[in-house]
Amino acid sequence: MVIYTVKVKNDSGESKTWCGKVYADQEEYQLSVAEMIQYSDNSTFFSDVGIGDALVGDGSQYFSDSVVGWNWLTGHSQPVDIDGNPIHYVPAFAFKTLSDGSKLFKRLHGTIESLTTGSNNVIFVCPHGHVKMIGARIVGAEIGDYCSFYVLDDENGTYFGTPNAVLNQYGYNVAIAPDNHIETCKYDADLYYGMQIKFVYTSVSDKTVGFNFDMSEVVAPS
């Protein structure tokens, strides 16, 4: 298995502090797996990526597109190695073993979306065969923003027969806390490959907002 490399660089022209670490201008640093999660949840780093002061790279290049860089950091896009094989996080440990012998591994995904004033649809497609959805985090909201969120069948209607059918609604015009809103389930919800999480997000202004999805992949015993 290829280790997923994430590097960050200060390209602001001045010193910056992210997650407690001070970076001189043009200083680079390779993140550990634990730091990838920490940086993906940091609103200051998120804002600096959005304006180009912070760059994210894969060890061989830094991405000029902030959305591509953020998706690389959060694992939302599926990276591949030089031979085209998928690159996965190397899990540090399984924190839970299920009764059938399956193990749960942490999977944190995120995406940056450019929102306009009014209603916006944000859709995340489950990239794993089976996950336990634990919660979501919204970074960059303002007072007055609100959203509803749904779980949909996949685009082919694989699981319930109707493409993009609404399977459940978990939020109803929920007021979003400014800057950093965290929504955590006291119980996990099962999602399968291709199922969609849909946010109908009403924004009070044009802005960039980050959406992080906290889940655990169910890995069958080998």
N, C-alpha and C. Protein backbone atom coordinates (compact mmCIF):
# COMPACT_ATOMS: atom_id res chain seq x y z
N MET A 1 0.85 -1.19 0.00
CA MET A 1 0.00 0.00 0.00
C MET A 1 0.89 1.25 0.00
N VAL A 2 0.53 2.23 -0.83
CA VAL A 2 1.29 3.47 -0.94
C VAL A 2 0.82 4.45 0.13
N ILE A 3 1.74 5.05 0.84
CA ILE A 3 1.37 6.04 1.86
C ILE A 3 0.95 7.33 1.18
N TYR A 4 -0.13 7.89 1.66
CA TYR A 4 -0.74 9.10 1.11
C TYR A 4 0.02 10.31 1.65
N THR A 5 0.79 11.02 0.81
CA THR A 5 1.62 12.13 1.23
C THR A 5 0.88 13.45 1.07
N VAL A 6 0.87 14.26 2.11
CA VAL A 6 0.31 15.61 2.06
C VAL A 6 1.35 16.58 2.61
N LYS A 7 1.71 17.59 1.81
CA LYS A 7 2.60 18.65 2.26
C LYS A 7 1.87 19.98 2.19
N VAL A 8 2.25 20.90 3.08
CA VAL A 8 1.69 22.24 3.07
C VAL A 8 2.82 23.26 2.95
N LYS A 9 2.49 24.42 2.40
CA LYS A 9 3.51 25.45 2.19
C LYS A 9 2.90 26.83 2.45
N ASN A 10 3.65 27.68 3.12
CA ASN A 10 3.25 29.07 3.33
C ASN A 10 3.69 29.90 2.12
N ASP A 11 2.74 30.38 1.35
CA ASP A 11 3.03 31.16 0.15
C ASP A 11 2.44 32.56 0.26
N SER A 12 2.36 33.06 1.51
CA SER A 12 1.65 34.32 1.77
C SER A 12 2.53 35.56 1.69
N GLY A 13 3.87 35.37 1.79
CA GLY A 13 4.76 36.52 1.85
C GLY A 13 5.02 37.00 3.25
N GLU A 14 4.46 36.32 4.24
CA GLU A 14 4.68 36.66 5.64
C GLU A 14 4.55 35.40 6.47
N SER A 15 4.87 35.49 7.77
CA SER A 15 4.75 34.30 8.61
C SER A 15 3.28 33.99 8.88
N LYS A 16 3.00 32.71 9.07
CA LYS A 16 1.64 32.25 9.34
C LYS A 16 1.70 31.22 10.47
N THR A 17 0.60 31.13 11.23
CA THR A 17 0.47 30.11 12.26
C THR A 17 -0.75 29.25 11.97
N TRP A 18 -0.49 27.95 11.78
CA TRP A 18 -1.57 26.99 11.54
C TRP A 18 -1.46 25.85 12.53
N CYS A 19 -2.54 25.59 13.23
CA CYS A 19 -2.61 24.47 14.18
C CYS A 19 -1.45 24.52 15.18
N GLY A 20 -1.09 25.74 15.61
CA GLY A 20 -0.06 25.91 16.63
C GLY A 20 1.36 25.93 16.12
N LYS A 21 1.56 25.72 14.83
CA LYS A 21 2.91 25.73 14.26
C LYS A 21 3.12 27.01 13.47
N VAL A 22 4.24 27.70 13.72
CA VAL A 22 4.57 28.93 13.02
C VAL A 22 5.35 28.59 11.75
N TYR A 23 4.89 29.12 10.62
CA TYR A 23 5.53 28.89 9.32
C TYR A 23 6.13 30.20 8.81
N ALA A 24 7.41 30.20 8.50
CA ALA A 24 8.01 31.34 7.80
C ALA A 24 7.51 31.34 6.36
N ASP A 25 7.62 32.49 5.70
CA ASP A 25 7.22 32.55 4.29
C ASP A 25 8.01 31.51 3.48
N GLN A 26 7.31 30.75 2.64
CA GLN A 26 7.86 29.70 1.77
C GLN A 26 8.28 28.43 2.51
N GLU A 27 8.00 28.37 3.82
CA GLU A 27 8.33 27.15 4.57
C GLU A 27 7.36 26.03 4.20
N GLU A 28 7.90 24.82 4.07
CA GLU A 28 7.12 23.64 3.73
C GLU A 28 7.14 22.65 4.89
N TYR A 29 6.12 21.79 4.91
CA TYR A 29 6.04 20.80 6.00
C TYR A 29 5.16 19.64 5.55
N GLN A 30 5.61 18.41 5.84
CA GLN A 30 4.83 17.22 5.52
C GLN A 30 4.00 16.81 6.72
N LEU A 31 2.69 16.64 6.52
CA LEU A 31 1.77 16.33 7.60
C LEU A 31 1.75 14.82 7.89
N SER A 32 1.61 14.50 9.16
CA SER A 32 1.32 13.12 9.54
C SER A 32 -0.17 12.86 9.29
N VAL A 33 -0.61 11.60 9.38
CA VAL A 33 -2.03 11.29 9.19
C VAL A 33 -2.88 12.02 10.22
N ALA A 34 -2.42 12.05 11.46
CA ALA A 34 -3.17 12.76 12.51
C ALA A 34 -3.25 14.25 12.20
N GLU A 35 -2.17 14.84 11.67
CA GLU A 35 -2.18 16.27 11.34
C GLU A 35 -3.06 16.56 10.15
N MET A 36 -3.20 15.60 9.21
CA MET A 36 -4.13 15.81 8.09
C MET A 36 -5.54 16.08 8.61
N ILE A 37 -5.96 15.30 9.59
CA ILE A 37 -7.29 15.49 10.18
C ILE A 37 -7.36 16.83 10.90
N GLN A 38 -6.31 17.17 11.65
CA GLN A 38 -6.29 18.42 12.40
C GLN A 38 -6.36 19.63 11.47
N TYR A 39 -5.57 19.62 10.39
CA TYR A 39 -5.55 20.75 9.47
C TYR A 39 -6.86 20.86 8.69
N SER A 40 -7.47 19.72 8.37
CA SER A 40 -8.72 19.77 7.60
C SER A 40 -9.87 20.33 8.42
N ASP A 41 -9.73 20.37 9.75
CA ASP A 41 -10.76 20.93 10.62
C ASP A 41 -10.42 22.33 11.12
N ASN A 42 -9.33 22.92 10.63
CA ASN A 42 -8.88 24.22 11.12
C ASN A 42 -9.39 25.34 10.21
N SER A 43 -10.22 26.22 10.75
CA SER A 43 -10.86 27.26 9.94
C SER A 43 -9.86 28.28 9.41
N THR A 44 -8.79 28.58 10.16
CA THR A 44 -7.78 29.52 9.69
C THR A 44 -7.03 28.97 8.49
N PHE A 45 -6.63 27.70 8.58
CA PHE A 45 -5.94 27.06 7.46
C PHE A 45 -6.87 26.96 6.25
N PHE A 46 -8.12 26.62 6.48
CA PHE A 46 -9.11 26.55 5.40
C PHE A 46 -9.21 27.88 4.67
N SER A 47 -9.30 28.99 5.43
CA SER A 47 -9.41 30.32 4.82
C SER A 47 -8.16 30.66 4.02
N ASP A 48 -6.97 30.31 4.55
CA ASP A 48 -5.73 30.63 3.86
C ASP A 48 -5.55 29.80 2.59
N VAL A 49 -6.04 28.56 2.59
CA VAL A 49 -6.03 27.77 1.35
C VAL A 49 -6.92 28.44 0.31
N GLY A 50 -8.08 28.92 0.75
CA GLY A 50 -9.03 29.54 -0.17
C GLY A 50 -8.50 30.78 -0.86
N ILE A 51 -7.65 31.56 -0.17
CA ILE A 51 -7.12 32.79 -0.77
C ILE A 51 -5.72 32.61 -1.35
N GLY A 52 -5.18 31.38 -1.28
CA GLY A 52 -3.89 31.10 -1.88
C GLY A 52 -2.68 31.35 -1.00
N ASP A 53 -2.91 31.72 0.27
CA ASP A 53 -1.78 31.92 1.17
C ASP A 53 -1.17 30.59 1.63
N ALA A 54 -2.00 29.56 1.66
CA ALA A 54 -1.53 28.21 2.02
C ALA A 54 -1.70 27.31 0.81
N LEU A 55 -0.65 26.56 0.49
CA LEU A 55 -0.69 25.62 -0.62
C LEU A 55 -0.65 24.20 -0.08
N VAL A 56 -1.35 23.30 -0.75
CA VAL A 56 -1.35 21.88 -0.40
C VAL A 56 -0.75 21.10 -1.56
N GLY A 57 0.14 20.14 -1.26
CA GLY A 57 0.78 19.37 -2.31
C GLY A 57 0.83 17.90 -2.00
N ASP A 58 1.24 17.11 -3.01
CA ASP A 58 1.30 15.66 -2.86
C ASP A 58 2.73 15.14 -2.69
N GLY A 59 3.68 16.04 -2.45
CA GLY A 59 5.07 15.65 -2.29
C GLY A 59 5.90 15.88 -3.53
N SER A 60 5.24 15.97 -4.70
CA SER A 60 5.96 16.24 -5.94
C SER A 60 5.56 17.58 -6.54
N GLN A 61 4.42 18.13 -6.10
CA GLN A 61 3.93 19.40 -6.62
C GLN A 61 2.96 20.01 -5.62
N TYR A 62 2.77 21.34 -5.74
CA TYR A 62 1.73 22.03 -4.99
C TYR A 62 0.62 22.40 -5.96
N PHE A 63 -0.62 22.18 -5.54
CA PHE A 63 -1.76 22.40 -6.41
C PHE A 63 -2.10 23.89 -6.46
N SER A 64 -2.15 24.45 -7.66
CA SER A 64 -2.49 25.87 -7.82
C SER A 64 -3.98 26.12 -7.59
N ASP A 65 -4.79 25.10 -7.82
CA ASP A 65 -6.23 25.20 -7.61
C ASP A 65 -6.52 24.86 -6.14
N SER A 66 -7.09 25.80 -5.39
CA SER A 66 -7.30 25.59 -3.96
C SER A 66 -8.28 24.45 -3.69
N VAL A 67 -9.26 24.27 -4.56
CA VAL A 67 -10.23 23.20 -4.37
C VAL A 67 -9.56 21.83 -4.51
N VAL A 68 -8.71 21.70 -5.54
CA VAL A 68 -7.97 20.45 -5.74
C VAL A 68 -7.07 20.17 -4.53
N GLY A 69 -6.38 21.22 -4.05
CA GLY A 69 -5.52 21.06 -2.89
C GLY A 69 -6.28 20.63 -1.65
N TRP A 70 -7.39 21.30 -1.38
CA TRP A 70 -8.18 20.95 -0.20
C TRP A 70 -8.73 19.52 -0.30
N ASN A 71 -9.19 19.14 -1.48
CA ASN A 71 -9.70 17.78 -1.66
C ASN A 71 -8.60 16.74 -1.48
N TRP A 72 -7.37 17.09 -1.87
CA TRP A 72 -6.26 16.17 -1.65
C TRP A 72 -6.01 16.00 -0.15
N LEU A 73 -6.02 17.12 0.58
CA LEU A 73 -5.81 17.06 2.03
C LEU A 73 -6.87 16.20 2.71
N THR A 74 -8.12 16.39 2.35
CA THR A 74 -9.21 15.72 3.05
C THR A 74 -9.51 14.33 2.51
N GLY A 75 -8.90 13.96 1.37
CA GLY A 75 -9.12 12.63 0.82
C GLY A 75 -10.39 12.51 0.03
N HIS A 76 -11.05 13.66 -0.31
CA HIS A 76 -12.31 13.60 -1.06
C HIS A 76 -12.08 13.09 -2.48
N SER A 77 -10.98 13.49 -3.10
CA SER A 77 -10.65 12.96 -4.42
C SER A 77 -9.81 11.71 -4.24
N GLN A 78 -9.96 10.74 -5.12
CA GLN A 78 -9.22 9.49 -4.99
C GLN A 78 -7.87 9.61 -5.67
N PRO A 79 -6.77 9.68 -4.92
CA PRO A 79 -5.45 9.78 -5.52
C PRO A 79 -5.00 8.45 -6.08
N VAL A 80 -4.09 8.48 -7.05
CA VAL A 80 -3.53 7.26 -7.62
C VAL A 80 -2.01 7.40 -7.63
N ASP A 81 -1.32 6.23 -7.68
CA ASP A 81 0.12 6.26 -7.77
C ASP A 81 0.55 6.33 -9.22
N ILE A 82 1.86 6.22 -9.47
CA ILE A 82 2.40 6.41 -10.82
C ILE A 82 1.88 5.36 -11.80
N ASP A 83 1.44 4.20 -11.29
CA ASP A 83 0.91 3.14 -12.14
C ASP A 83 -0.61 3.19 -12.27
N GLY A 84 -1.22 4.21 -11.67
CA GLY A 84 -2.67 4.35 -11.75
C GLY A 84 -3.43 3.58 -10.69
N ASN A 85 -2.73 3.00 -9.71
CA ASN A 85 -3.40 2.26 -8.64
C ASN A 85 -3.89 3.21 -7.56
N PRO A 86 -5.09 2.98 -6.99
CA PRO A 86 -5.61 3.88 -5.95
C PRO A 86 -4.68 3.95 -4.75
N ILE A 87 -4.53 5.16 -4.21
CA ILE A 87 -3.78 5.38 -2.98
C ILE A 87 -4.78 5.56 -1.84
N HIS A 88 -4.55 4.87 -0.74
CA HIS A 88 -5.44 4.96 0.42
C HIS A 88 -4.64 5.40 1.63
N TYR A 89 -5.34 6.02 2.59
CA TYR A 89 -4.70 6.26 3.88
C TYR A 89 -4.28 4.93 4.48
N VAL A 90 -3.14 4.90 5.13
CA VAL A 90 -2.77 3.73 5.91
C VAL A 90 -3.40 3.91 7.30
N PRO A 91 -4.40 3.09 7.66
CA PRO A 91 -5.08 3.28 8.95
C PRO A 91 -4.13 3.02 10.11
N ALA A 92 -4.17 3.90 11.10
CA ALA A 92 -3.30 3.76 12.25
C ALA A 92 -3.73 2.57 13.11
N PHE A 93 -5.05 2.37 13.24
CA PHE A 93 -5.55 1.27 14.04
C PHE A 93 -7.04 1.14 13.80
N ALA A 94 -7.58 -0.01 14.12
CA ALA A 94 -9.03 -0.21 14.12
C ALA A 94 -9.53 0.05 15.53
N PHE A 95 -10.44 1.00 15.69
CA PHE A 95 -10.86 1.33 17.04
C PHE A 95 -12.06 0.49 17.48
N LYS A 96 -12.59 -0.32 16.56
CA LYS A 96 -13.72 -1.15 16.94
C LYS A 96 -13.78 -2.36 16.02
N THR A 97 -14.07 -3.50 16.59
CA THR A 97 -14.29 -4.71 15.80
C THR A 97 -15.74 -5.14 15.98
N LEU A 98 -16.43 -5.37 14.85
CA LEU A 98 -17.83 -5.75 14.90
C LEU A 98 -17.98 -7.24 15.17
N SER A 99 -19.21 -7.65 15.44
CA SER A 99 -19.46 -9.04 15.83
C SER A 99 -19.11 -10.04 14.74
N ASP A 100 -19.16 -9.61 13.47
CA ASP A 100 -18.83 -10.52 12.37
C ASP A 100 -17.34 -10.51 12.03
N GLY A 101 -16.55 -9.80 12.82
CA GLY A 101 -15.11 -9.73 12.58
C GLY A 101 -14.67 -8.55 11.75
N SER A 102 -15.63 -7.80 11.18
CA SER A 102 -15.28 -6.60 10.41
C SER A 102 -14.68 -5.55 11.33
N LYS A 103 -13.83 -4.70 10.76
CA LYS A 103 -13.21 -3.63 11.54
C LYS A 103 -13.63 -2.28 10.99
N LEU A 104 -13.64 -1.29 11.86
CA LEU A 104 -13.97 0.09 11.48
C LEU A 104 -12.70 0.91 11.43
N PHE A 105 -12.53 1.65 10.32
CA PHE A 105 -11.37 2.52 10.16
C PHE A 105 -11.86 3.95 9.88
N LYS A 106 -11.20 4.90 10.50
CA LYS A 106 -11.53 6.31 10.34
C LYS A 106 -11.38 6.75 8.89
N ARG A 107 -12.40 7.42 8.36
CA ARG A 107 -12.35 8.00 7.02
C ARG A 107 -12.96 9.41 7.10
N LEU A 108 -12.12 10.42 6.89
CA LEU A 108 -12.58 11.81 6.94
C LEU A 108 -12.49 12.40 5.54
N HIS A 109 -13.61 12.83 5.00
CA HIS A 109 -13.65 13.39 3.65
C HIS A 109 -14.12 14.84 3.72
N GLY A 110 -13.73 15.63 2.73
CA GLY A 110 -14.16 17.02 2.71
C GLY A 110 -14.20 17.58 1.31
N THR A 111 -14.91 18.68 1.16
CA THR A 111 -14.98 19.37 -0.12
C THR A 111 -15.18 20.86 0.13
N ILE A 112 -14.65 21.69 -0.75
CA ILE A 112 -14.86 23.13 -0.70
C ILE A 112 -15.86 23.50 -1.79
N GLU A 113 -16.85 24.28 -1.43
CA GLU A 113 -17.90 24.67 -2.37
C GLU A 113 -18.02 26.19 -2.44
N SER A 114 -18.15 26.71 -3.66
CA SER A 114 -18.41 28.14 -3.86
C SER A 114 -19.92 28.35 -3.89
N LEU A 115 -20.44 28.99 -2.86
CA LEU A 115 -21.88 29.18 -2.72
C LEU A 115 -22.29 30.57 -3.17
N THR A 116 -23.51 30.67 -3.68
CA THR A 116 -24.09 31.96 -4.03
C THR A 116 -25.19 32.31 -3.03
N THR A 117 -25.57 33.58 -2.99
CA THR A 117 -26.64 34.00 -2.10
C THR A 117 -27.92 33.26 -2.45
N GLY A 118 -28.58 32.69 -1.42
CA GLY A 118 -29.80 31.92 -1.67
C GLY A 118 -29.54 30.43 -1.53
N SER A 119 -30.34 29.63 -2.22
CA SER A 119 -30.30 28.18 -2.07
C SER A 119 -29.22 27.54 -2.94
N ASN A 120 -28.47 26.60 -2.36
CA ASN A 120 -27.41 25.87 -3.06
C ASN A 120 -27.54 24.38 -2.74
N ASN A 121 -27.28 23.53 -3.72
CA ASN A 121 -27.24 22.09 -3.49
C ASN A 121 -25.79 21.62 -3.43
N VAL A 122 -25.44 20.95 -2.34
CA VAL A 122 -24.11 20.38 -2.17
C VAL A 122 -24.28 18.87 -2.00
N ILE A 123 -23.62 18.09 -2.87
CA ILE A 123 -23.80 16.63 -2.84
C ILE A 123 -22.45 15.94 -2.66
N PHE A 124 -22.41 15.03 -1.70
CA PHE A 124 -21.25 14.18 -1.47
C PHE A 124 -21.64 12.75 -1.77
N VAL A 125 -20.85 12.06 -2.61
CA VAL A 125 -21.14 10.68 -2.99
C VAL A 125 -20.24 9.74 -2.19
N CYS A 126 -20.82 8.76 -1.54
CA CYS A 126 -20.05 7.83 -0.72
C CYS A 126 -19.07 7.05 -1.59
N PRO A 127 -17.75 7.15 -1.31
CA PRO A 127 -16.75 6.49 -2.15
C PRO A 127 -16.36 5.09 -1.68
N HIS A 128 -16.92 4.65 -0.54
CA HIS A 128 -16.54 3.36 0.05
C HIS A 128 -17.68 2.37 -0.07
N GLY A 129 -17.35 1.09 0.00
CA GLY A 129 -18.38 0.07 -0.12
C GLY A 129 -19.42 0.14 0.98
N HIS A 130 -18.98 0.39 2.22
CA HIS A 130 -19.90 0.45 3.36
C HIS A 130 -19.25 1.31 4.43
N VAL A 131 -19.96 2.33 4.90
CA VAL A 131 -19.45 3.17 5.97
C VAL A 131 -20.52 3.38 7.03
N LYS A 132 -20.04 3.72 8.21
CA LYS A 132 -20.88 4.20 9.30
C LYS A 132 -20.69 5.71 9.36
N MET A 133 -21.72 6.46 9.05
CA MET A 133 -21.66 7.92 9.07
C MET A 133 -21.81 8.40 10.51
N ILE A 134 -20.82 9.20 10.96
CA ILE A 134 -20.80 9.66 12.35
C ILE A 134 -21.24 11.10 12.49
N GLY A 135 -20.82 11.96 11.55
CA GLY A 135 -21.18 13.37 11.68
C GLY A 135 -20.65 14.19 10.53
N ALA A 136 -20.91 15.48 10.58
CA ALA A 136 -20.47 16.41 9.54
C ALA A 136 -20.03 17.70 10.19
N ARG A 137 -19.14 18.40 9.50
CA ARG A 137 -18.66 19.70 9.97
C ARG A 137 -18.70 20.69 8.82
N ILE A 138 -19.22 21.88 9.08
CA ILE A 138 -19.30 22.94 8.07
C ILE A 138 -18.40 24.08 8.53
N VAL A 139 -17.47 24.49 7.67
CA VAL A 139 -16.48 25.51 8.00
C VAL A 139 -16.67 26.72 7.11
N GLY A 140 -16.82 27.91 7.70
CA GLY A 140 -16.93 29.13 6.92
C GLY A 140 -18.32 29.70 6.81
N ALA A 141 -19.27 29.21 7.64
CA ALA A 141 -20.65 29.71 7.59
C ALA A 141 -20.76 31.09 8.24
N GLU A 142 -21.90 31.72 8.00
CA GLU A 142 -22.22 33.02 8.61
C GLU A 142 -23.52 32.93 9.38
N ILE A 143 -23.71 33.86 10.30
CA ILE A 143 -25.00 33.97 10.99
C ILE A 143 -26.09 34.22 9.96
N GLY A 144 -27.13 33.44 10.03
CA GLY A 144 -28.24 33.55 9.07
C GLY A 144 -28.27 32.42 8.06
N ASP A 145 -27.16 31.69 7.92
CA ASP A 145 -27.14 30.52 7.04
C ASP A 145 -27.94 29.39 7.67
N TYR A 146 -28.60 28.59 6.84
CA TYR A 146 -29.28 27.41 7.35
C TYR A 146 -29.34 26.37 6.25
N CYS A 147 -29.58 25.12 6.64
CA CYS A 147 -29.64 24.07 5.63
C CYS A 147 -30.49 22.90 6.08
N SER A 148 -30.91 22.12 5.10
CA SER A 148 -31.55 20.83 5.32
C SER A 148 -30.65 19.78 4.71
N PHE A 149 -30.61 18.57 5.30
CA PHE A 149 -29.74 17.55 4.72
C PHE A 149 -30.45 16.21 4.63
N TYR A 150 -30.11 15.51 3.54
CA TYR A 150 -30.81 14.30 3.13
C TYR A 150 -29.81 13.20 2.77
N VAL A 151 -30.29 11.97 2.78
CA VAL A 151 -29.57 10.84 2.19
C VAL A 151 -30.37 10.36 0.99
N LEU A 152 -29.66 10.22 -0.16
CA LEU A 152 -30.30 9.81 -1.41
C LEU A 152 -29.76 8.47 -1.88
N ASP A 153 -30.59 7.75 -2.63
CA ASP A 153 -30.11 6.57 -3.34
C ASP A 153 -29.10 7.03 -4.39
N ASP A 154 -28.36 6.09 -4.98
CA ASP A 154 -27.38 6.48 -5.99
C ASP A 154 -28.09 6.88 -7.29
N GLU A 155 -27.30 7.35 -8.26
CA GLU A 155 -27.90 7.89 -9.48
C GLU A 155 -28.58 6.82 -10.33
N ASN A 156 -28.35 5.55 -10.03
CA ASN A 156 -29.00 4.46 -10.77
C ASN A 156 -30.15 3.81 -10.00
N GLY A 157 -30.39 4.24 -8.78
CA GLY A 157 -31.43 3.62 -7.96
C GLY A 157 -31.07 2.20 -7.56
N THR A 158 -29.79 1.96 -7.31
CA THR A 158 -29.30 0.60 -7.05
C THR A 158 -29.95 -0.03 -5.82
N TYR A 159 -30.19 0.74 -4.77
CA TYR A 159 -30.58 0.16 -3.49
C TYR A 159 -32.08 0.14 -3.27
N PHE A 160 -32.81 1.13 -3.78
CA PHE A 160 -34.25 1.19 -3.53
C PHE A 160 -35.07 1.38 -4.80
N GLY A 161 -34.41 1.28 -5.97
CA GLY A 161 -35.15 1.21 -7.22
C GLY A 161 -35.41 2.51 -7.95
N THR A 162 -35.23 3.65 -7.28
CA THR A 162 -35.50 4.94 -7.92
C THR A 162 -34.25 5.81 -7.87
N PRO A 163 -33.71 6.22 -9.02
CA PRO A 163 -32.50 7.05 -9.02
C PRO A 163 -32.66 8.31 -8.18
N ASN A 164 -31.68 8.57 -7.34
CA ASN A 164 -31.62 9.80 -6.52
C ASN A 164 -32.81 9.95 -5.57
N ALA A 165 -33.47 8.85 -5.24
CA ALA A 165 -34.61 8.92 -4.33
C ALA A 165 -34.17 9.36 -2.94
N VAL A 166 -34.98 10.18 -2.27
CA VAL A 166 -34.70 10.59 -0.90
C VAL A 166 -35.00 9.41 0.02
N LEU A 167 -33.98 8.91 0.72
CA LEU A 167 -34.14 7.78 1.63
C LEU A 167 -34.43 8.23 3.04
N ASN A 168 -33.91 9.40 3.40
CA ASN A 168 -34.16 9.93 4.74
C ASN A 168 -33.76 11.40 4.76
N GLN A 169 -34.36 12.14 5.68
CA GLN A 169 -33.98 13.54 5.90
C GLN A 169 -33.55 13.67 7.34
N TYR A 170 -32.34 14.23 7.56
CA TYR A 170 -31.77 14.31 8.89
C TYR A 170 -31.75 15.74 9.45
N GLY A 171 -31.96 16.73 8.61
CA GLY A 171 -31.96 18.11 9.08
C GLY A 171 -33.06 18.90 8.39
N TYR A 172 -33.70 19.78 9.15
CA TYR A 172 -34.83 20.55 8.63
C TYR A 172 -34.58 22.03 8.92
N ASN A 173 -34.08 22.77 7.90
CA ASN A 173 -33.81 24.20 8.06
C ASN A 173 -32.99 24.48 9.33
N VAL A 174 -31.90 23.74 9.46
CA VAL A 174 -31.03 23.85 10.64
C VAL A 174 -30.20 25.13 10.56
N ALA A 175 -30.25 25.96 11.60
CA ALA A 175 -29.40 27.16 11.66
C ALA A 175 -27.95 26.72 11.84
N ILE A 176 -27.05 27.24 10.99
CA ILE A 176 -25.65 26.83 11.01
C ILE A 176 -24.85 27.80 11.86
N ALA A 177 -24.10 27.26 12.82
CA ALA A 177 -23.25 28.10 13.66
C ALA A 177 -22.17 28.75 12.81
N PRO A 178 -21.87 30.04 13.03
CA PRO A 178 -20.86 30.72 12.21
C PRO A 178 -19.48 30.12 12.40
N ASP A 179 -18.68 30.15 11.32
CA ASP A 179 -17.28 29.73 11.28
C ASP A 179 -17.12 28.21 11.30
N ASN A 180 -17.62 27.53 12.34
CA ASN A 180 -17.32 26.10 12.47
C ASN A 180 -18.50 25.39 13.13
N HIS A 181 -19.36 24.76 12.31
CA HIS A 181 -20.53 24.06 12.82
C HIS A 181 -20.27 22.57 12.81
N ILE A 182 -20.49 21.90 13.94
CA ILE A 182 -20.26 20.46 14.06
C ILE A 182 -21.58 19.77 14.37
N GLU A 183 -21.89 18.75 13.59
CA GLU A 183 -23.09 17.95 13.81
C GLU A 183 -22.66 16.50 13.99
N THR A 184 -22.89 15.93 15.15
CA THR A 184 -22.46 14.56 15.45
C THR A 184 -23.65 13.70 15.81
N CYS A 185 -23.70 12.48 15.25
CA CYS A 185 -24.77 11.53 15.55
C CYS A 185 -24.41 10.74 16.82
N LYS A 186 -25.38 10.54 17.70
CA LYS A 186 -25.15 9.71 18.86
C LYS A 186 -25.16 8.22 18.48
N TYR A 187 -25.63 7.94 17.28
CA TYR A 187 -25.60 6.59 16.74
C TYR A 187 -25.13 6.72 15.29
N ASP A 188 -24.54 5.65 14.75
CA ASP A 188 -24.05 5.75 13.38
C ASP A 188 -25.15 5.39 12.38
N ALA A 189 -25.00 5.89 11.16
CA ALA A 189 -25.94 5.60 10.08
C ALA A 189 -25.19 4.90 8.96
N ASP A 190 -25.78 3.86 8.39
CA ASP A 190 -25.12 3.09 7.34
C ASP A 190 -25.31 3.72 5.98
N LEU A 191 -24.20 3.88 5.25
CA LEU A 191 -24.23 4.32 3.87
C LEU A 191 -23.43 3.32 3.04
N TYR A 192 -23.82 3.18 1.76
CA TYR A 192 -23.16 2.24 0.87
C TYR A 192 -22.68 2.98 -0.38
N TYR A 193 -21.79 2.32 -1.10
CA TYR A 193 -21.13 2.94 -2.25
C TYR A 193 -22.14 3.60 -3.20
N GLY A 194 -21.89 4.87 -3.52
CA GLY A 194 -22.72 5.60 -4.45
C GLY A 194 -23.88 6.35 -3.83
N MET A 195 -24.28 5.99 -2.60
CA MET A 195 -25.32 6.76 -1.93
C MET A 195 -24.83 8.20 -1.75
N GLN A 196 -25.77 9.12 -1.66
CA GLN A 196 -25.44 10.54 -1.67
C GLN A 196 -25.93 11.25 -0.41
N ILE A 197 -25.08 12.11 0.12
CA ILE A 197 -25.50 13.05 1.16
C ILE A 197 -25.74 14.39 0.48
N LYS A 198 -26.93 14.91 0.62
CA LYS A 198 -27.30 16.17 -0.05
C LYS A 198 -27.61 17.25 0.99
N PHE A 199 -26.90 18.37 0.89
CA PHE A 199 -27.20 19.55 1.69
C PHE A 199 -27.93 20.56 0.80
N VAL A 200 -29.08 21.02 1.21
CA VAL A 200 -29.72 22.18 0.58
C VAL A 200 -29.39 23.36 1.50
N TYR A 201 -28.40 24.13 1.07
CA TYR A 201 -27.78 25.15 1.94
C TYR A 201 -28.21 26.53 1.47
N THR A 202 -28.84 27.28 2.38
CA THR A 202 -29.24 28.65 2.08
C THR A 202 -28.23 29.61 2.70
N SER A 203 -27.57 30.38 1.85
CA SER A 203 -26.48 31.27 2.27
C SER A 203 -26.93 32.72 2.21
N VAL A 204 -26.48 33.51 3.18
CA VAL A 204 -26.84 34.93 3.20
C VAL A 204 -25.94 35.76 2.29
N SER A 205 -24.88 35.14 1.73
CA SER A 205 -23.96 35.88 0.86
C SER A 205 -23.24 34.91 -0.06
N ASP A 206 -22.53 35.46 -1.06
CA ASP A 206 -21.64 34.66 -1.89
C ASP A 206 -20.37 34.38 -1.10
N LYS A 207 -19.99 33.12 -0.99
CA LYS A 207 -18.79 32.79 -0.20
C LYS A 207 -18.36 31.36 -0.47
N THR A 208 -17.19 31.00 0.07
CA THR A 208 -16.66 29.65 -0.01
C THR A 208 -16.84 28.97 1.34
N VAL A 209 -17.40 27.77 1.31
CA VAL A 209 -17.69 27.03 2.54
C VAL A 209 -17.15 25.62 2.39
N GLY A 210 -16.57 25.10 3.48
CA GLY A 210 -16.05 23.74 3.49
C GLY A 210 -17.01 22.79 4.18
N PHE A 211 -17.11 21.58 3.64
CA PHE A 211 -17.95 20.54 4.23
C PHE A 211 -17.08 19.31 4.50
N ASN A 212 -17.00 18.88 5.75
CA ASN A 212 -16.25 17.69 6.12
C ASN A 212 -17.21 16.60 6.59
N PHE A 213 -16.90 15.36 6.24
CA PHE A 213 -17.76 14.24 6.55
C PHE A 213 -16.96 13.22 7.37
N ASP A 214 -17.43 12.95 8.58
CA ASP A 214 -16.75 12.05 9.51
C ASP A 214 -17.43 10.69 9.44
N MET A 215 -16.67 9.68 9.03
CA MET A 215 -17.26 8.35 8.87
C MET A 215 -16.24 7.28 9.17
N SER A 216 -16.72 6.07 9.33
CA SER A 216 -15.84 4.92 9.54
C SER A 216 -16.14 3.89 8.46
N GLU A 217 -15.09 3.44 7.76
CA GLU A 217 -15.29 2.41 6.75
C GLU A 217 -15.36 1.04 7.41
N VAL A 218 -16.33 0.25 6.99
CA VAL A 218 -16.47 -1.12 7.47
C VAL A 218 -15.65 -2.02 6.56
N VAL A 219 -14.60 -2.62 7.11
CA VAL A 219 -13.69 -3.47 6.33
C VAL A 219 -13.91 -4.92 6.76
N ALA A 220 -14.33 -5.77 5.80
CA ALA A 220 -14.60 -7.17 6.10
C ALA A 220 -13.33 -7.89 6.49
N PRO A 221 -13.43 -8.91 7.33
CA PRO A 221 -12.23 -9.67 7.71
C PRO A 221 -11.60 -10.34 6.51
N SER A 222 -10.28 -10.34 6.46
CA SER A 222 -9.56 -10.94 5.31
C SER A 222 -9.39 -12.44 5.53
